[in-house]
Amino acid sequence: MSELDAKKQAELDEANQYFGEDRFATQAAGATIDKVGDKYARCSLKLGDVHRNALGAVMGGVMYTLADFCFAVASNFHQGPAVTVVSQISFLGQPKGEMLFAESRLIKDGRRNCFFEVEVRDETGKACAVVSFNGARLAEGSGK
């Protein structure tokens, strides 16, 4: 493993340890962090029966939870704490397969506010949801 790969793996391990405290997303829903970078995250979730509604479709809350977790990682890792002030989800289609992937994109980052867009895709690459997050940066020491 190269020095760069080792550094990336160490950051990923650190992020998984820290955000493992987000028990709803990680333990109840099963979200994991696949990649982390400067104001960036890619997360995934393996779908199971627990993620489906009475019609057998993936619950919208599952896609939102994965997107929210991805936003949390991208907006908080190695930065001051940020929380969601406003979010909006657009459901684009029902996921196919057994995996969901969320990827964050920073739109604007300011001293007090940040704005991210998180796209949720299924394992075929089809976009299933897009969520916009307007976050507020908290004063240092206001987080955990």
N, C-alpha and C. Protein backbone atom coordinates (compact mmCIF):
# COMPACT_ATOMS: atom_id res chain seq x y z
N MET A 1 0.85 -1.17 0.00
CA MET A 1 0.00 0.00 0.00
C MET A 1 0.89 1.23 0.00
N SER A 2 0.59 2.18 -0.90
CA SER A 2 1.38 3.40 -0.99
C SER A 2 1.10 4.29 0.23
N GLU A 3 1.95 5.29 0.40
CA GLU A 3 1.79 6.22 1.52
C GLU A 3 0.46 6.98 1.40
N LEU A 4 0.09 7.37 0.18
CA LEU A 4 -1.17 8.08 -0.06
C LEU A 4 -2.36 7.18 0.26
N ASP A 5 -2.30 5.92 -0.18
CA ASP A 5 -3.38 4.98 0.12
C ASP A 5 -3.50 4.73 1.61
N ALA A 6 -2.37 4.63 2.30
CA ALA A 6 -2.38 4.42 3.75
C ALA A 6 -3.01 5.62 4.46
N LYS A 7 -2.72 6.83 3.98
CA LYS A 7 -3.31 8.04 4.58
C LYS A 7 -4.82 8.06 4.36
N LYS A 8 -5.26 7.73 3.15
CA LYS A 8 -6.69 7.69 2.87
C LYS A 8 -7.39 6.65 3.73
N GLN A 9 -6.77 5.49 3.91
CA GLN A 9 -7.36 4.44 4.73
C GLN A 9 -7.43 4.86 6.19
N ALA A 10 -6.41 5.55 6.67
CA ALA A 10 -6.41 6.04 8.05
C ALA A 10 -7.53 7.06 8.26
N GLU A 11 -7.73 7.96 7.28
CA GLU A 11 -8.83 8.93 7.38
C GLU A 11 -10.18 8.24 7.36
N LEU A 12 -10.32 7.23 6.50
CA LEU A 12 -11.57 6.48 6.43
C LEU A 12 -11.84 5.76 7.75
N ASP A 13 -10.83 5.14 8.31
CA ASP A 13 -10.98 4.47 9.61
C ASP A 13 -11.37 5.47 10.70
N GLU A 14 -10.73 6.63 10.70
CA GLU A 14 -11.05 7.67 11.69
C GLU A 14 -12.50 8.13 11.54
N ALA A 15 -12.93 8.36 10.30
CA ALA A 15 -14.31 8.80 10.05
C ALA A 15 -15.31 7.73 10.48
N ASN A 16 -15.04 6.47 10.16
CA ASN A 16 -15.95 5.39 10.56
C ASN A 16 -16.03 5.26 12.07
N GLN A 17 -14.93 5.46 12.76
CA GLN A 17 -14.95 5.39 14.22
C GLN A 17 -15.77 6.56 14.79
N TYR A 18 -15.52 7.76 14.32
CA TYR A 18 -16.23 8.93 14.84
C TYR A 18 -17.72 8.86 14.52
N PHE A 19 -18.07 8.63 13.27
CA PHE A 19 -19.47 8.64 12.87
C PHE A 19 -20.19 7.34 13.21
N GLY A 20 -19.46 6.36 13.71
CA GLY A 20 -20.10 5.16 14.26
C GLY A 20 -20.98 5.50 15.45
N GLU A 21 -20.75 6.69 16.04
CA GLU A 21 -21.59 7.16 17.14
C GLU A 21 -22.96 7.61 16.65
N ASP A 22 -23.12 7.77 15.34
CA ASP A 22 -24.42 8.08 14.75
C ASP A 22 -25.15 6.73 14.63
N ARG A 23 -25.66 6.29 15.74
CA ARG A 23 -26.18 4.92 15.84
C ARG A 23 -27.40 4.65 14.98
N PHE A 24 -28.27 5.65 14.79
CA PHE A 24 -29.44 5.40 13.96
C PHE A 24 -29.02 5.08 12.53
N ALA A 25 -28.15 5.91 11.98
CA ALA A 25 -27.71 5.70 10.60
C ALA A 25 -26.87 4.44 10.46
N THR A 26 -25.93 4.23 11.38
CA THR A 26 -24.99 3.11 11.22
C THR A 26 -25.53 1.79 11.74
N GLN A 27 -26.15 1.79 12.89
CA GLN A 27 -26.62 0.52 13.46
C GLN A 27 -28.04 0.16 13.03
N ALA A 28 -28.97 1.09 13.16
CA ALA A 28 -30.36 0.79 12.81
C ALA A 28 -30.55 0.68 11.30
N ALA A 29 -30.01 1.65 10.54
CA ALA A 29 -30.21 1.65 9.09
C ALA A 29 -29.13 0.85 8.35
N GLY A 30 -27.90 0.84 8.89
CA GLY A 30 -26.82 0.08 8.26
C GLY A 30 -25.94 0.89 7.32
N ALA A 31 -25.94 2.22 7.43
CA ALA A 31 -25.12 3.06 6.56
C ALA A 31 -23.64 2.92 6.91
N THR A 32 -22.81 2.96 5.88
CA THR A 32 -21.35 2.92 6.07
C THR A 32 -20.71 4.02 5.23
N ILE A 33 -19.51 4.41 5.62
CA ILE A 33 -18.75 5.41 4.88
C ILE A 33 -17.79 4.66 3.97
N ASP A 34 -17.84 4.96 2.67
CA ASP A 34 -16.96 4.31 1.70
C ASP A 34 -15.76 5.18 1.34
N LYS A 35 -15.98 6.50 1.26
CA LYS A 35 -14.90 7.44 0.94
C LYS A 35 -15.14 8.72 1.72
N VAL A 36 -14.06 9.36 2.10
CA VAL A 36 -14.16 10.64 2.80
C VAL A 36 -13.02 11.52 2.31
N GLY A 37 -13.31 12.80 2.18
CA GLY A 37 -12.30 13.75 1.75
C GLY A 37 -12.65 15.12 2.27
N ASP A 38 -11.99 16.14 1.73
CA ASP A 38 -12.24 17.50 2.16
C ASP A 38 -13.64 17.92 1.71
N LYS A 39 -14.56 18.02 2.67
CA LYS A 39 -15.95 18.42 2.42
C LYS A 39 -16.62 17.50 1.39
N TYR A 40 -16.30 16.23 1.49
CA TYR A 40 -16.82 15.21 0.56
C TYR A 40 -17.02 13.90 1.31
N ALA A 41 -18.05 13.17 0.91
CA ALA A 41 -18.25 11.82 1.43
C ALA A 41 -19.01 10.98 0.41
N ARG A 42 -18.76 9.69 0.45
CA ARG A 42 -19.53 8.71 -0.31
C ARG A 42 -19.88 7.61 0.68
N CYS A 43 -21.18 7.35 0.82
CA CYS A 43 -21.66 6.37 1.79
C CYS A 43 -22.54 5.35 1.07
N SER A 44 -22.76 4.21 1.73
CA SER A 44 -23.59 3.18 1.12
C SER A 44 -24.42 2.49 2.19
N LEU A 45 -25.39 1.72 1.71
CA LEU A 45 -26.30 1.00 2.60
C LEU A 45 -26.79 -0.24 1.87
N LYS A 46 -26.65 -1.39 2.52
CA LYS A 46 -27.16 -2.64 1.95
C LYS A 46 -28.62 -2.77 2.35
N LEU A 47 -29.49 -2.91 1.35
CA LEU A 47 -30.92 -3.00 1.59
C LEU A 47 -31.33 -4.39 2.05
N GLY A 48 -32.29 -4.41 2.97
CA GLY A 48 -32.85 -5.67 3.46
C GLY A 48 -34.35 -5.50 3.63
N ASP A 49 -35.00 -6.52 4.12
CA ASP A 49 -36.45 -6.47 4.34
C ASP A 49 -36.85 -5.34 5.28
N VAL A 50 -36.00 -5.02 6.25
CA VAL A 50 -36.30 -3.98 7.23
C VAL A 50 -36.41 -2.59 6.59
N HIS A 51 -35.86 -2.42 5.40
CA HIS A 51 -35.87 -1.14 4.72
C HIS A 51 -37.08 -0.94 3.80
N ARG A 52 -37.97 -1.92 3.78
CA ARG A 52 -39.09 -1.88 2.84
C ARG A 52 -40.41 -1.58 3.54
N ASN A 53 -41.31 -0.96 2.78
CA ASN A 53 -42.64 -0.65 3.31
C ASN A 53 -43.60 -1.81 3.03
N ALA A 54 -44.86 -1.61 3.34
CA ALA A 54 -45.87 -2.67 3.20
C ALA A 54 -46.06 -3.09 1.74
N LEU A 55 -45.71 -2.24 0.80
CA LEU A 55 -45.83 -2.57 -0.62
C LEU A 55 -44.58 -3.28 -1.16
N GLY A 56 -43.56 -3.39 -0.31
CA GLY A 56 -42.32 -4.04 -0.73
C GLY A 56 -41.31 -3.08 -1.33
N ALA A 57 -41.66 -1.80 -1.40
CA ALA A 57 -40.76 -0.79 -1.95
C ALA A 57 -39.85 -0.24 -0.85
N VAL A 58 -38.70 0.29 -1.25
CA VAL A 58 -37.78 0.91 -0.29
C VAL A 58 -38.44 2.16 0.27
N MET A 59 -38.47 2.27 1.59
CA MET A 59 -39.04 3.44 2.27
C MET A 59 -38.24 4.70 1.89
N GLY A 60 -38.95 5.79 1.68
CA GLY A 60 -38.29 7.05 1.38
C GLY A 60 -37.35 7.49 2.49
N GLY A 61 -37.71 7.17 3.72
CA GLY A 61 -36.88 7.53 4.87
C GLY A 61 -35.52 6.87 4.84
N VAL A 62 -35.41 5.73 4.20
CA VAL A 62 -34.12 5.05 4.07
C VAL A 62 -33.19 5.88 3.19
N MET A 63 -33.73 6.35 2.06
CA MET A 63 -32.90 7.17 1.17
C MET A 63 -32.53 8.48 1.84
N TYR A 64 -33.49 9.07 2.59
CA TYR A 64 -33.20 10.32 3.29
C TYR A 64 -32.14 10.09 4.37
N THR A 65 -32.27 9.02 5.13
CA THR A 65 -31.30 8.73 6.19
C THR A 65 -29.90 8.58 5.63
N LEU A 66 -29.77 7.86 4.52
CA LEU A 66 -28.45 7.68 3.91
C LEU A 66 -27.90 9.03 3.43
N ALA A 67 -28.74 9.84 2.81
CA ALA A 67 -28.30 11.16 2.34
C ALA A 67 -27.91 12.06 3.51
N ASP A 68 -28.70 12.04 4.58
CA ASP A 68 -28.43 12.84 5.76
C ASP A 68 -27.10 12.44 6.40
N PHE A 69 -26.85 11.15 6.47
CA PHE A 69 -25.60 10.64 7.01
C PHE A 69 -24.43 11.11 6.15
N CYS A 70 -24.59 11.02 4.83
CA CYS A 70 -23.54 11.46 3.90
C CYS A 70 -23.26 12.95 4.08
N PHE A 71 -24.32 13.75 4.22
CA PHE A 71 -24.15 15.18 4.49
C PHE A 71 -23.39 15.40 5.80
N ALA A 72 -23.76 14.66 6.83
CA ALA A 72 -23.12 14.82 8.14
C ALA A 72 -21.62 14.56 8.04
N VAL A 73 -21.25 13.50 7.34
CA VAL A 73 -19.83 13.17 7.20
C VAL A 73 -19.12 14.27 6.40
N ALA A 74 -19.69 14.67 5.27
CA ALA A 74 -19.03 15.66 4.41
C ALA A 74 -18.91 17.02 5.09
N SER A 75 -19.91 17.40 5.86
CA SER A 75 -19.91 18.74 6.44
C SER A 75 -19.25 18.83 7.81
N ASN A 76 -18.97 17.70 8.45
CA ASN A 76 -18.42 17.73 9.80
C ASN A 76 -17.01 17.16 9.94
N PHE A 77 -16.60 16.25 9.08
CA PHE A 77 -15.32 15.58 9.25
C PHE A 77 -14.16 16.55 9.09
N HIS A 78 -13.34 16.67 10.13
CA HIS A 78 -12.18 17.57 10.19
C HIS A 78 -12.58 19.03 10.01
N GLN A 79 -13.77 19.37 10.47
CA GLN A 79 -14.27 20.74 10.41
C GLN A 79 -15.03 21.03 11.68
N GLY A 80 -15.38 22.29 11.87
CA GLY A 80 -16.26 22.62 12.98
C GLY A 80 -17.62 21.98 12.76
N PRO A 81 -18.38 21.78 13.83
CA PRO A 81 -19.66 21.09 13.68
C PRO A 81 -20.67 21.88 12.86
N ALA A 82 -21.46 21.14 12.07
CA ALA A 82 -22.53 21.73 11.27
C ALA A 82 -23.79 20.88 11.46
N VAL A 83 -24.93 21.53 11.45
CA VAL A 83 -26.21 20.83 11.58
C VAL A 83 -27.13 21.27 10.45
N THR A 84 -28.08 20.42 10.12
CA THR A 84 -29.05 20.74 9.08
C THR A 84 -30.03 21.78 9.59
N VAL A 85 -30.23 22.82 8.79
CA VAL A 85 -31.23 23.84 9.09
C VAL A 85 -32.45 23.59 8.21
N VAL A 86 -32.21 23.36 6.92
CA VAL A 86 -33.28 23.08 5.96
C VAL A 86 -32.80 21.98 5.03
N SER A 87 -33.68 21.06 4.72
CA SER A 87 -33.36 20.06 3.70
C SER A 87 -34.59 19.81 2.86
N GLN A 88 -34.35 19.37 1.64
CA GLN A 88 -35.45 19.05 0.74
C GLN A 88 -35.04 17.85 -0.09
N ILE A 89 -35.94 16.87 -0.16
CA ILE A 89 -35.66 15.67 -0.93
C ILE A 89 -36.60 15.60 -2.12
N SER A 90 -36.05 15.19 -3.24
CA SER A 90 -36.84 14.89 -4.43
C SER A 90 -36.62 13.42 -4.75
N PHE A 91 -37.69 12.64 -4.72
CA PHE A 91 -37.61 11.22 -5.06
C PHE A 91 -37.71 11.10 -6.57
N LEU A 92 -36.76 10.42 -7.18
CA LEU A 92 -36.68 10.33 -8.63
C LEU A 92 -37.11 8.98 -9.17
N GLY A 93 -37.06 7.95 -8.34
CA GLY A 93 -37.45 6.62 -8.79
C GLY A 93 -37.15 5.58 -7.74
N GLN A 94 -37.78 4.45 -7.87
CA GLN A 94 -37.60 3.35 -6.92
C GLN A 94 -36.27 2.63 -7.18
N PRO A 95 -35.48 2.41 -6.13
CA PRO A 95 -34.19 1.72 -6.30
C PRO A 95 -34.35 0.28 -6.78
N LYS A 96 -33.38 -0.16 -7.55
CA LYS A 96 -33.29 -1.55 -8.00
C LYS A 96 -32.06 -2.16 -7.33
N GLY A 97 -32.10 -3.46 -7.07
CA GLY A 97 -30.95 -4.13 -6.49
C GLY A 97 -30.93 -4.09 -4.98
N GLU A 98 -29.76 -4.35 -4.42
CA GLU A 98 -29.62 -4.51 -2.98
C GLU A 98 -28.77 -3.43 -2.31
N MET A 99 -28.27 -2.46 -3.08
CA MET A 99 -27.39 -1.44 -2.50
C MET A 99 -27.85 -0.04 -2.90
N LEU A 100 -27.66 0.89 -1.97
CA LEU A 100 -27.84 2.32 -2.24
C LEU A 100 -26.50 3.02 -1.98
N PHE A 101 -26.23 4.05 -2.77
CA PHE A 101 -25.02 4.83 -2.62
C PHE A 101 -25.39 6.30 -2.59
N ALA A 102 -24.78 7.05 -1.69
CA ALA A 102 -25.00 8.49 -1.60
C ALA A 102 -23.66 9.18 -1.78
N GLU A 103 -23.67 10.27 -2.54
CA GLU A 103 -22.45 11.03 -2.76
C GLU A 103 -22.76 12.51 -2.60
N SER A 104 -21.92 13.17 -1.80
CA SER A 104 -22.14 14.59 -1.51
C SER A 104 -21.43 15.46 -2.53
N ARG A 105 -21.97 16.64 -2.72
CA ARG A 105 -21.34 17.66 -3.56
C ARG A 105 -21.50 18.99 -2.85
N LEU A 106 -20.39 19.62 -2.52
CA LEU A 106 -20.42 20.93 -1.89
C LEU A 106 -20.81 21.98 -2.93
N ILE A 107 -21.83 22.75 -2.62
CA ILE A 107 -22.26 23.84 -3.49
C ILE A 107 -21.64 25.15 -3.01
N LYS A 108 -21.74 25.41 -1.70
CA LYS A 108 -21.16 26.63 -1.12
C LYS A 108 -20.81 26.36 0.33
N ASP A 109 -19.66 26.85 0.73
CA ASP A 109 -19.25 26.73 2.12
C ASP A 109 -18.84 28.10 2.62
N GLY A 110 -19.51 28.55 3.65
CA GLY A 110 -19.20 29.84 4.22
C GLY A 110 -18.79 29.71 5.67
N ARG A 111 -18.56 30.83 6.29
CA ARG A 111 -18.15 30.84 7.69
C ARG A 111 -19.26 30.33 8.59
N ARG A 112 -20.50 30.67 8.29
CA ARG A 112 -21.63 30.29 9.14
C ARG A 112 -22.57 29.27 8.52
N ASN A 113 -22.60 29.20 7.19
CA ASN A 113 -23.53 28.31 6.51
C ASN A 113 -22.81 27.47 5.46
N CYS A 114 -23.40 26.34 5.16
CA CYS A 114 -22.89 25.50 4.08
C CYS A 114 -24.10 24.95 3.31
N PHE A 115 -23.87 24.63 2.06
CA PHE A 115 -24.93 24.09 1.24
C PHE A 115 -24.37 22.92 0.44
N PHE A 116 -24.99 21.76 0.62
CA PHE A 116 -24.57 20.54 -0.07
C PHE A 116 -25.74 19.96 -0.83
N GLU A 117 -25.43 19.23 -1.88
CA GLU A 117 -26.41 18.41 -2.57
C GLU A 117 -25.91 16.98 -2.47
N VAL A 118 -26.82 16.06 -2.13
CA VAL A 118 -26.45 14.65 -2.01
C VAL A 118 -27.35 13.87 -2.96
N GLU A 119 -26.72 13.09 -3.82
CA GLU A 119 -27.46 12.26 -4.76
C GLU A 119 -27.42 10.81 -4.28
N VAL A 120 -28.57 10.17 -4.30
CA VAL A 120 -28.67 8.77 -3.91
C VAL A 120 -28.93 7.95 -5.17
N ARG A 121 -28.09 6.94 -5.39
CA ARG A 121 -28.21 6.07 -6.56
C ARG A 121 -28.31 4.62 -6.11
N ASP A 122 -28.90 3.80 -6.98
CA ASP A 122 -28.93 2.36 -6.68
C ASP A 122 -27.71 1.70 -7.31
N GLU A 123 -27.61 0.39 -7.17
CA GLU A 123 -26.41 -0.30 -7.66
C GLU A 123 -26.31 -0.33 -9.18
N THR A 124 -27.40 -0.03 -9.89
CA THR A 124 -27.35 0.05 -11.36
C THR A 124 -26.85 1.42 -11.81
N GLY A 125 -26.72 2.36 -10.87
CA GLY A 125 -26.28 3.71 -11.20
C GLY A 125 -27.43 4.67 -11.41
N LYS A 126 -28.67 4.17 -11.31
CA LYS A 126 -29.84 5.02 -11.51
C LYS A 126 -30.03 5.95 -10.32
N ALA A 127 -30.25 7.25 -10.61
CA ALA A 127 -30.52 8.23 -9.55
C ALA A 127 -31.91 7.95 -8.96
N CYS A 128 -31.98 7.82 -7.63
CA CYS A 128 -33.23 7.52 -6.93
C CYS A 128 -33.75 8.72 -6.14
N ALA A 129 -32.85 9.58 -5.69
CA ALA A 129 -33.24 10.76 -4.91
C ALA A 129 -32.12 11.79 -4.95
N VAL A 130 -32.50 13.04 -4.80
CA VAL A 130 -31.54 14.14 -4.64
C VAL A 130 -32.01 14.93 -3.43
N VAL A 131 -31.08 15.22 -2.53
CA VAL A 131 -31.42 15.96 -1.32
C VAL A 131 -30.51 17.18 -1.22
N SER A 132 -31.10 18.34 -1.00
CA SER A 132 -30.32 19.55 -0.75
C SER A 132 -30.31 19.81 0.75
N PHE A 133 -29.16 20.19 1.26
CA PHE A 133 -28.99 20.45 2.68
C PHE A 133 -28.41 21.84 2.86
N ASN A 134 -29.09 22.65 3.65
CA ASN A 134 -28.57 23.94 4.08
C ASN A 134 -28.16 23.74 5.53
N GLY A 135 -26.88 23.84 5.79
CA GLY A 135 -26.38 23.60 7.15
C GLY A 135 -25.90 24.87 7.81
N ALA A 136 -25.94 24.87 9.13
CA ALA A 136 -25.41 25.98 9.92
C ALA A 136 -24.18 25.48 10.67
N ARG A 137 -23.12 26.25 10.61
CA ARG A 137 -21.90 25.95 11.35
C ARG A 137 -22.10 26.40 12.80
N LEU A 138 -21.84 25.50 13.72
CA LEU A 138 -21.97 25.81 15.14
C LEU A 138 -20.64 26.35 15.66
N ALA A 139 -20.70 27.07 16.75
CA ALA A 139 -19.48 27.56 17.39
C ALA A 139 -18.68 26.36 17.88
N GLU A 140 -17.37 26.47 17.82
CA GLU A 140 -16.50 25.39 18.31
C GLU A 140 -16.90 25.01 19.73
N GLY A 141 -16.94 23.72 20.00
CA GLY A 141 -17.30 23.24 21.32
C GLY A 141 -18.78 23.06 21.52
N SER A 142 -19.61 23.43 20.50
CA SER A 142 -21.06 23.25 20.65
C SER A 142 -21.52 21.88 20.22
N GLY A 143 -20.65 21.12 19.60
CA GLY A 143 -21.04 19.79 19.12
C GLY A 143 -21.07 18.80 20.24
N LYS A 144 -20.61 17.64 19.98
CA LYS A 144 -20.58 16.50 20.86
C LYS A 144 -20.01 16.73 22.18
